[in-house]
């Protein structure tokens, strides 16, 4: 990769992008960058690595504010007094991206801001539930009493797939459907992986006096998940290269097929489909929970987890608006830290430890079922390893790779320290 390039060219050349993650008027998703990344200055470096995983509803708000600015700018040109053409009130991305001034066909209806929020939340809920229902398990490979904890396969697979669908091909998926891109990366892959579950397993080891195993569990977990996302990036980039070799033969056909995919009608149909699936999931989960609740089985915990999964995904998505904001006036300090993801993971790990302590002290069937269901569903969706590793890898490939290890170490250390105070000290 040339040093002057900040990201690779999308497979579909009509896809406009912004290096800093700012969306054009035609799309509200931050465009993912293929790694490794190179940057021109520290500000761009900080913005990019902190927004590598997710920016939550900030991108949605940015899209509508840009559309309003574009309307105001167009209206100002009709006024009878001269306009200073040496300065423009338009945001930078309108000047850099030719497609920014072409949000769609003239007269074509677009979803209102409220409908876009509803569609985002619905996609997140459906894919979040799918992330809890369909996760990888490998018999006799992982267990509660070893450094190869039960959630390790899910964290590895989720990190690998995040590289494909949340980093390298996220912009291309957004070209087809912006809501699908959010659902896959933030919803499914963010919920498939769990940081709070990982932290809790290490707390269980430390409470039993196996501190060395707990330390090794964190090291092995981070190492394997990190190399899963690295492998995912490299294989996805290889697949992208194969697609580029065929692009010249069918470029016009691809472009014509993809144009109009994000139309009002398509988005409405997608919203209806997701609402239907969400209602079906909730009805089935509630029905099955009623049947299994008194038995206190793992199925009861699963169905309760599905019922409370959506709020966990939603909270994490809203917290992601803090990524790239920084601290202090105008966010000039620590702008490279993804505070939204950090808060979500530490909070989920702390509440997970509190519920584990509650289960130990009360130890009834009802308490175990409710607490385990909340741990699996709500907290499993609130915390994430795949987004955490996407941010880690972006920092590792930046001009300041030490930030990746500082971010990972701080997240793990604070989560484990909080868990030790809440869980290991009372239980041990």
Protein backbone atom coordinates (compact mmCIF):
# COMPACT_ATOMS: atom_id res chain seq x y z
CA UNK A 1 0.00 0.00 0.00
CA UNK A 2 1.26 3.45 -0.87
CA UNK A 3 1.98 5.63 2.10
CA UNK A 4 -0.28 8.34 0.74
CA UNK A 5 -3.37 6.16 0.83
CA UNK A 6 -5.41 5.98 3.98
CA UNK A 7 -7.61 3.11 2.86
CA UNK A 8 -8.14 0.80 -0.07
CA UNK A 9 -10.48 1.64 -2.93
CA UNK A 10 -13.94 0.10 -2.45
CA UNK A 11 -14.96 -2.77 -4.69
CA UNK A 12 -17.78 -0.65 -6.07
CA UNK A 13 -16.27 2.62 -7.28
CA UNK A 14 -19.50 4.60 -6.87
CA UNK A 15 -19.25 4.23 -3.13
CA UNK A 16 -18.13 7.59 -1.77
CA UNK A 17 -16.12 7.53 1.42
CA UNK A 18 -14.57 9.79 4.01
CA UNK A 19 -11.32 8.91 5.68
CA UNK A 20 -12.26 10.26 9.08
CA UNK A 21 -15.46 8.26 9.20
CA UNK A 22 -17.71 11.19 8.32
CA UNK A 23 -20.70 10.16 6.24
CA UNK A 24 -21.91 11.78 3.07
CA UNK A 25 -25.51 12.81 2.53
CA UNK A 26 -26.19 9.52 0.81
CA UNK A 27 -25.05 7.26 3.65
CA UNK A 28 -24.90 7.59 7.40
CA UNK A 29 -22.42 4.79 8.12
CA UNK A 30 -18.77 5.48 8.87
CA UNK A 31 -16.80 3.89 6.06
CA UNK A 32 -14.60 1.07 7.29
CA UNK A 33 -10.93 1.10 6.51
CA UNK A 34 -8.97 -1.86 5.25
CA UNK A 35 -5.94 -2.41 7.43
CA UNK A 36 -3.09 -1.63 7.72
CA UNK A 37 -3.80 2.05 8.08
CA UNK A 38 -1.61 5.04 7.45
CA UNK A 39 -2.34 8.59 8.50
CA UNK A 40 -1.25 12.09 7.67
CA UNK A 41 -1.43 13.62 11.15
CA UNK A 42 -2.13 12.81 14.77
CA UNK A 43 -5.65 14.23 14.68
CA UNK A 44 -6.67 12.00 11.79
CA UNK A 45 -4.88 9.10 13.49
CA UNK A 46 -6.83 9.60 16.73
CA UNK A 47 -10.18 10.01 14.98
CA UNK A 48 -9.74 6.95 12.83
CA UNK A 49 -8.59 4.45 15.45
CA UNK A 50 -11.21 5.50 17.99
CA UNK A 51 -13.99 5.17 15.41
CA UNK A 52 -12.72 1.95 13.83
CA UNK A 53 -15.37 -0.16 15.54
CA UNK A 54 -18.51 1.96 15.73
CA UNK A 55 -19.78 5.52 16.11
CA UNK A 56 -23.35 4.69 17.11
CA UNK A 57 -26.10 7.11 16.19
CA UNK A 58 -23.62 9.97 15.66
CA UNK A 59 -23.38 9.07 11.99
CA UNK A 60 -27.16 9.14 11.68
CA UNK A 61 -27.32 12.58 13.28
CA UNK A 62 -24.47 13.76 11.05
CA UNK A 63 -26.28 12.65 7.93
CA UNK A 64 -29.42 14.65 8.67
CA UNK A 65 -27.47 17.72 9.77
CA UNK A 66 -25.54 17.58 6.49
CA UNK A 67 -28.74 17.34 4.50
CA UNK A 68 -30.09 20.41 6.29
CA UNK A 69 -26.85 22.29 5.63
CA UNK A 70 -27.07 21.38 1.95
CA UNK A 71 -30.66 22.68 1.74
CA UNK A 72 -29.72 25.92 3.53
CA UNK A 73 -26.71 26.38 1.25
CA UNK A 74 -28.83 25.90 -1.88
CA UNK A 75 -31.42 28.38 -0.63
CA UNK A 76 -28.77 30.97 0.09
CA UNK A 77 -27.67 30.93 -3.54
CA UNK A 78 -31.11 32.20 -4.63
CA UNK A 79 -30.83 35.38 -2.57
CA UNK A 80 -30.47 38.64 -4.57
CA UNK A 81 -27.18 39.69 -2.95
CA UNK A 82 -23.70 38.53 -4.06
CA UNK A 83 -22.27 35.33 -2.62
CA UNK A 84 -18.63 35.03 -1.63
CA UNK A 85 -17.53 31.96 -3.58
CA UNK A 86 -14.12 31.89 -1.91
CA UNK A 87 -15.70 30.48 1.26
CA UNK A 88 -18.26 27.75 1.63
CA UNK A 89 -20.44 26.91 4.63
CA UNK A 90 -20.56 23.28 3.47
CA UNK A 91 -18.75 20.69 5.57
CA UNK A 92 -15.42 19.48 4.21
CA UNK A 93 -16.76 16.13 3.06
CA UNK A 94 -19.18 17.88 0.66
CA UNK A 95 -16.19 19.40 -1.07
CA UNK A 96 -14.13 16.22 -1.08
CA UNK A 97 -16.81 13.73 -2.11
CA UNK A 98 -18.59 14.25 -5.46
CA UNK A 99 -21.43 11.93 -4.42
CA UNK A 100 -22.19 13.97 -1.31
CA UNK A 101 -24.28 16.41 -3.35
CA UNK A 102 -26.27 13.57 -4.95
CA UNK A 103 -28.29 11.99 -2.12
CA UNK A 104 -30.70 10.30 -4.52
CA UNK A 105 -32.98 10.70 -7.46
CA UNK A 106 -34.83 14.00 -7.63
CA UNK A 107 -38.21 13.67 -5.98
CA UNK A 108 -37.39 10.27 -4.48
CA UNK A 109 -38.74 9.96 -0.90
CA UNK A 110 -36.31 9.21 1.91
CA UNK A 111 -36.85 7.78 5.36
CA UNK A 112 -37.43 10.33 8.07
CA UNK A 113 -34.98 10.51 10.96
CA UNK A 114 -37.43 8.77 13.29
CA UNK A 115 -37.97 5.89 10.85
CA UNK A 116 -34.23 5.51 10.38
CA UNK A 117 -33.79 5.27 14.15
CA UNK A 118 -36.54 2.66 14.33
CA UNK A 119 -34.98 0.70 11.49
CA UNK A 120 -31.53 0.82 13.12
CA UNK A 121 -32.87 -0.32 16.48
CA UNK A 122 -34.91 -3.10 14.90
CA UNK A 123 -31.98 -4.42 12.86
CA UNK A 124 -29.76 -4.26 15.95
CA UNK A 125 -32.31 -6.18 18.02
CA UNK A 126 -32.88 -8.94 15.46
CA UNK A 127 -29.20 -9.47 14.73
CA UNK A 128 -28.36 -9.23 18.44
CA UNK A 129 -30.77 -12.08 19.20
CA UNK A 130 -29.30 -14.09 16.33
CA UNK A 131 -25.86 -13.54 17.85
CA UNK A 132 -27.05 -15.18 21.08
CA UNK A 133 -28.92 -18.02 19.35
CA UNK A 134 -26.22 -18.99 16.85
CA UNK A 135 -22.72 -19.05 18.31
CA UNK A 136 -19.91 -21.56 17.76
CA UNK A 137 -19.32 -24.30 20.32
CA UNK A 138 -16.63 -26.92 20.30
CA UNK A 139 -17.09 -29.96 22.56
CA UNK A 140 -14.23 -30.83 24.91
CA UNK A 141 -12.10 -27.94 23.61
CA UNK A 142 -13.19 -25.30 26.12
CA UNK A 143 -14.41 -25.50 29.70
CA UNK A 144 -15.15 -23.33 32.72
CA UNK A 145 -12.13 -24.55 34.62
CA UNK A 146 -9.37 -23.80 32.13
CA UNK A 147 -7.74 -20.86 30.40
CA UNK A 148 -9.57 -21.96 27.23
CA UNK A 149 -12.84 -20.51 28.50
CA UNK A 150 -16.23 -21.38 27.00
CA UNK A 151 -16.68 -18.12 25.08
CA UNK A 152 -13.25 -18.29 23.41
CA UNK A 153 -14.47 -19.90 20.14
CA UNK A 154 -17.24 -17.30 19.80
CA UNK A 155 -14.78 -14.47 20.43
CA UNK A 156 -12.34 -15.85 17.85
CA UNK A 157 -14.96 -16.49 15.17
CA UNK A 158 -16.66 -13.15 15.84
CA UNK A 159 -13.35 -11.29 15.57
CA UNK A 160 -12.52 -13.08 12.32
CA UNK A 161 -15.91 -12.23 10.81
CA UNK A 162 -15.66 -8.65 12.08
CA UNK A 163 -12.58 -8.24 9.89
CA UNK A 164 -14.64 -9.31 6.88
CA UNK A 165 -17.98 -7.62 7.46
CA UNK A 166 -17.07 -4.85 9.90
CA UNK A 167 -13.75 -3.68 8.47
CA UNK A 168 -12.87 -4.66 4.90
CA UNK A 169 -16.32 -5.08 3.33
CA UNK A 170 -18.41 -2.87 5.61
CA UNK A 171 -18.51 -0.02 3.09
CA UNK A 172 -19.63 -2.40 0.33
CA UNK A 173 -22.36 -3.89 2.54
CA UNK A 174 -23.49 -0.35 3.37
CA UNK A 175 -23.64 0.35 -0.36
CA UNK A 176 -26.25 -2.40 -0.59
CA UNK A 177 -28.00 -1.70 2.73
CA UNK A 178 -26.87 0.68 5.44
CA UNK A 179 -29.08 -1.00 8.03
CA UNK A 180 -27.73 -4.43 7.15
CA UNK A 181 -24.19 -3.19 7.75
CA UNK A 182 -25.18 -1.92 11.21
CA UNK A 183 -27.05 -5.13 12.00
CA UNK A 184 -24.16 -7.38 10.99
CA UNK A 185 -21.27 -5.52 12.64
CA UNK A 186 -22.79 -3.90 15.72
CA UNK A 187 -25.72 -6.27 16.17
CA UNK A 188 -24.69 -9.81 15.26
CA UNK A 189 -20.89 -9.76 15.61
CA UNK A 190 -20.94 -7.45 18.62
CA UNK A 191 -23.37 -9.78 20.40
CA UNK A 192 -21.79 -13.02 19.23
CA UNK A 193 -18.66 -12.07 21.17
CA UNK A 194 -18.67 -11.20 24.86
CA UNK A 195 -16.10 -9.37 26.93
CA UNK A 196 -18.03 -9.62 30.20
CA UNK A 197 -18.25 -13.42 29.92
CA UNK A 198 -14.52 -13.64 29.27
CA UNK A 199 -13.75 -11.44 32.28
CA UNK A 200 -16.10 -13.44 34.51
CA UNK A 201 -14.45 -16.76 33.66
CA UNK A 202 -11.10 -15.32 34.67
CA UNK A 203 -12.66 -14.03 37.90
CA UNK A 204 -13.91 -17.55 38.63
CA UNK A 205 -10.36 -18.83 38.25
CA UNK A 206 -8.94 -16.14 40.52
CA UNK A 207 -11.62 -16.78 43.15
CA UNK A 208 -10.47 -20.41 43.23
CA UNK A 209 -6.91 -19.25 43.82
CA UNK A 210 -5.74 -19.93 40.24
CA UNK A 211 -4.32 -16.47 39.59
CA UNK A 212 -1.75 -17.71 37.08
CA UNK A 213 -4.45 -19.36 34.99
CA UNK A 214 -6.48 -16.15 35.11
CA UNK A 215 -3.52 -14.13 33.83
CA UNK A 216 -2.79 -16.68 31.11
CA UNK A 217 -6.47 -16.71 30.20
CA UNK A 218 -6.39 -13.00 29.47
CA UNK A 219 -3.14 -13.28 27.52
CA UNK A 220 -4.26 -16.27 25.46
CA UNK A 221 -7.69 -14.78 24.91
CA UNK A 222 -6.30 -11.48 23.65
CA UNK A 223 -3.64 -13.19 21.54
CA UNK A 224 -6.01 -15.63 19.82
CA UNK A 225 -8.77 -13.07 19.23
CA UNK A 226 -6.27 -10.47 17.95
CA UNK A 227 -4.75 -12.89 15.47
CA UNK A 228 -8.24 -13.98 14.43
CA UNK A 229 -9.04 -10.46 13.29
CA UNK A 230 -5.60 -10.11 11.64
CA UNK A 231 -6.19 -13.36 9.73
CA UNK A 232 -9.66 -12.14 8.82
CA UNK A 233 -8.32 -8.86 7.44
CA UNK A 234 -5.67 -10.59 5.34
CA UNK A 235 -8.06 -13.20 3.90
CA UNK A 236 -10.72 -10.55 3.22
CA UNK A 237 -8.18 -8.36 1.43
CA UNK A 238 -7.15 -11.37 -0.64
CA UNK A 239 -10.76 -12.01 -1.59
CA UNK A 240 -11.17 -8.32 -2.42
CA UNK A 241 -8.17 -8.57 -4.74
CA UNK A 242 -9.82 -11.49 -6.57
CA UNK A 243 -13.01 -9.48 -6.97
CA UNK A 244 -11.05 -6.55 -8.40
CA UNK A 245 -9.59 -8.75 -11.11
CA UNK A 246 -13.12 -9.50 -12.30
CA UNK A 247 -14.46 -5.99 -11.79
CA UNK A 248 -13.29 -4.66 -15.15
CA UNK A 249 -15.46 -7.21 -16.98
CA UNK A 250 -18.68 -6.50 -15.14
CA UNK A 251 -18.23 -3.05 -13.58
CA UNK A 252 -21.10 -1.41 -15.43
CA UNK A 253 -23.43 -4.30 -14.71
CA UNK A 254 -22.58 -4.25 -10.99
CA UNK A 255 -23.10 -0.51 -10.80
CA UNK A 256 -26.47 -0.64 -12.51
CA UNK A 257 -27.61 -3.48 -10.23
CA UNK A 258 -26.57 -1.69 -7.05
CA UNK A 259 -28.03 1.69 -7.94
CA UNK A 260 -31.28 2.29 -6.13
CA UNK A 261 -30.77 -0.52 -3.65
CA UNK A 262 -31.14 1.94 -0.78
CA UNK A 263 -34.44 3.33 -2.02
CA UNK A 264 -37.33 4.29 0.17
CA UNK A 265 -39.31 1.22 -0.84
CA UNK A 266 -36.45 -1.17 -0.09
CA UNK A 267 -35.83 0.41 3.32
CA UNK A 268 -39.52 0.23 4.23
CA UNK A 269 -39.70 -3.45 3.22
CA UNK A 270 -36.56 -4.15 5.23
CA UNK A 271 -38.04 -2.40 8.25
CA UNK A 272 -41.26 -4.41 8.00
CA UNK A 273 -39.33 -7.67 7.67
CA UNK A 274 -37.15 -6.90 10.70
CA UNK A 275 -40.15 -5.87 12.80
CA UNK A 276 -41.88 -9.13 11.87
CA UNK A 277 -38.81 -11.19 12.76
CA UNK A 278 -38.36 -9.31 16.03
CA UNK A 279 -41.96 -9.94 17.06
CA UNK A 280 -41.61 -13.62 16.12
CA UNK A 281 -38.40 -13.98 18.15
CA UNK A 282 -39.95 -12.29 21.18
CA UNK A 283 -43.15 -14.36 21.02
CA UNK A 284 -41.28 -17.65 20.65
CA UNK A 285 -38.81 -16.71 23.41
CA UNK A 286 -41.59 -15.71 25.81
CA UNK A 287 -43.57 -18.87 25.07
CA UNK A 288 -40.60 -21.17 25.56
CA UNK A 289 -39.51 -19.30 28.70
CA UNK A 290 -42.89 -19.91 30.32
CA UNK A 291 -42.51 -23.64 29.64
CA UNK A 292 -38.95 -23.92 30.94
CA UNK A 293 -38.75 -21.30 33.69
CA UNK A 294 -39.84 -23.47 36.64
CA UNK A 295 -37.41 -26.21 35.57
CA UNK A 296 -34.43 -23.89 35.84
CA UNK A 297 -32.78 -25.38 32.76
CA UNK A 298 -30.22 -23.82 30.46
CA UNK A 299 -33.01 -23.44 27.90
CA UNK A 300 -34.85 -21.12 30.28
CA UNK A 301 -31.70 -19.01 30.58
CA UNK A 302 -31.34 -18.98 26.77
CA UNK A 303 -34.90 -17.79 26.12
CA UNK A 304 -34.72 -15.17 28.86
CA UNK A 305 -31.42 -14.02 27.36
CA UNK A 306 -33.09 -13.59 23.98
CA UNK A 307 -35.83 -11.48 25.55
CA UNK A 308 -33.35 -9.06 27.15
CA UNK A 309 -30.72 -9.08 24.37
CA UNK A 310 -32.08 -6.09 22.45
CA UNK A 311 -31.60 -3.48 25.23
CA UNK A 312 -27.97 -4.56 25.58
CA UNK A 313 -27.28 -3.96 21.89
CA UNK A 314 -29.13 -0.66 21.93
CA UNK A 315 -27.19 0.66 24.95
CA UNK A 316 -23.88 -0.29 23.34
CA UNK A 317 -24.89 1.40 20.07
CA UNK A 318 -25.84 4.63 21.84
CA UNK A 319 -22.66 4.55 23.94
CA UNK A 320 -20.64 4.24 20.71
CA UNK A 321 -21.40 7.92 20.04
CA UNK A 322 -18.67 8.64 22.62
CA UNK A 323 -16.00 6.99 20.47
CA UNK A 324 -13.68 9.64 19.09
CA UNK A 325 -15.12 12.41 21.26
CA UNK A 326 -12.18 12.70 23.65
CA UNK A 327 -12.10 14.51 27.00
CA UNK A 328 -11.88 18.15 28.00
CA UNK A 329 -13.06 21.22 26.15
CA UNK A 330 -13.60 20.43 22.47
CA UNK A 331 -12.39 16.89 23.18
CA UNK A 332 -8.71 17.71 22.82
CA UNK A 333 -7.52 15.01 25.25
CA UNK A 334 -7.41 11.24 24.64
CA UNK A 335 -9.39 11.49 21.44
CA UNK A 336 -7.90 8.18 20.33
CA UNK A 337 -9.66 6.28 23.14
CA UNK A 338 -13.01 4.64 22.18
CA UNK A 339 -14.72 5.65 25.42
CA UNK A 340 -18.09 4.25 24.34
CA UNK A 341 -16.76 0.72 23.88
CA UNK A 342 -14.63 1.04 27.02
CA UNK A 343 -17.61 2.07 29.17
CA UNK A 344 -19.81 -0.69 27.72
CA UNK A 345 -17.26 -3.43 28.41
CA UNK A 346 -16.29 -2.27 31.92
CA UNK A 347 -19.92 -1.68 32.95
CA UNK A 348 -21.05 -5.06 31.63
CA UNK A 349 -18.14 -6.85 33.35
CA UNK A 350 -18.96 -5.13 36.66
CA UNK A 351 -22.67 -5.96 36.54
CA UNK A 352 -21.81 -9.50 35.45
CA UNK A 353 -19.65 -9.87 38.58
CA UNK A 354 -22.43 -8.46 40.78
CA UNK A 355 -24.95 -10.98 39.41
CA UNK A 356 -22.44 -13.81 39.88
CA UNK A 357 -22.07 -12.76 43.53
CA UNK A 358 -25.86 -12.67 43.86
CA UNK A 359 -26.16 -16.21 42.49
CA UNK A 360 -23.57 -17.45 44.98
CA UNK A 361 -25.29 -15.82 47.95
CA UNK A 362 -28.92 -16.61 47.12
CA UNK A 363 -28.47 -19.90 45.25
CA UNK A 364 -32.07 -20.63 44.27
CA UNK A 365 -33.40 -21.93 40.98
CA UNK A 366 -35.32 -18.77 40.21
CA UNK A 367 -32.41 -16.47 41.07
CA UNK A 368 -29.96 -18.53 39.02
CA UNK A 369 -32.27 -18.57 35.99
CA UNK A 370 -32.97 -14.82 36.05
CA UNK A 371 -29.39 -13.80 36.81
CA UNK A 372 -27.90 -16.18 34.21
CA UNK A 373 -30.40 -15.03 31.58
CA UNK A 374 -29.49 -11.39 32.18
CA UNK A 375 -25.79 -12.24 32.12
CA UNK A 376 -26.11 -14.16 28.86
CA UNK A 377 -28.50 -11.83 27.05
CA UNK A 378 -28.32 -8.25 28.29
CA UNK A 379 -24.68 -8.19 29.42
CA UNK A 380 -23.47 -10.50 26.65
CA UNK A 381 -24.87 -8.04 24.10
CA UNK A 382 -23.76 -4.95 26.00
CA UNK A 383 -20.12 -6.06 26.01
CA UNK A 384 -18.19 -6.99 22.88
CA UNK A 385 -14.85 -8.45 21.91
CA UNK A 386 -15.16 -8.07 18.13
CA UNK A 387 -15.54 -4.26 18.23
CA UNK A 388 -12.88 -4.07 20.96
CA UNK A 389 -10.46 -6.03 18.73
CA UNK A 390 -11.32 -3.95 15.64
CA UNK A 391 -10.29 -0.87 17.59
CA UNK A 392 -7.23 -2.65 18.98
CA UNK A 393 -6.09 -3.68 15.50
CA UNK A 394 -6.63 -0.19 14.08
CA UNK A 395 -4.44 1.25 16.84
CA UNK A 396 -1.83 -1.47 16.32
CA UNK A 397 -1.57 -0.58 12.63
CA UNK A 398 -1.44 3.17 13.28
CA UNK A 399 1.61 5.40 13.71
CA UNK A 400 1.41 4.83 17.48
CA UNK A 401 0.95 1.09 18.03
CA UNK A 402 1.57 1.43 21.78
CA UNK A 403 -1.95 2.82 22.07
CA UNK A 404 -3.41 -0.60 21.19
CA UNK A 405 -1.70 -2.29 24.12
CA UNK A 406 -2.43 0.60 26.47
CA UNK A 407 -6.13 0.49 25.52
CA UNK A 408 -6.38 -3.31 25.85
CA UNK A 409 -4.44 -3.39 29.12
CA UNK A 410 -6.51 -0.61 30.67
CA UNK A 411 -9.82 -2.22 29.66
CA UNK A 412 -8.80 -5.63 31.03
CA UNK A 413 -7.18 -4.26 34.18
CA UNK A 414 -10.11 -2.03 35.17
CA UNK A 415 -12.70 -4.74 34.42
CA UNK A 416 -10.78 -7.37 36.36
CA UNK A 417 -10.13 -5.00 39.28
CA UNK A 418 -13.82 -4.08 39.51
CA UNK A 419 -14.76 -7.74 39.29
CA UNK A 420 -12.29 -8.66 42.02
CA UNK A 421 -13.81 -6.09 44.37
CA UNK A 422 -17.39 -7.07 43.54
CA UNK A 423 -17.02 -10.85 43.14
CA UNK A 424 -13.68 -12.45 43.97
CA UNK A 425 -13.18 -10.75 47.36
CA UNK A 426 -16.64 -11.64 48.77
CA UNK A 427 -16.76 -15.12 47.24
CA UNK A 428 -13.12 -16.00 47.87
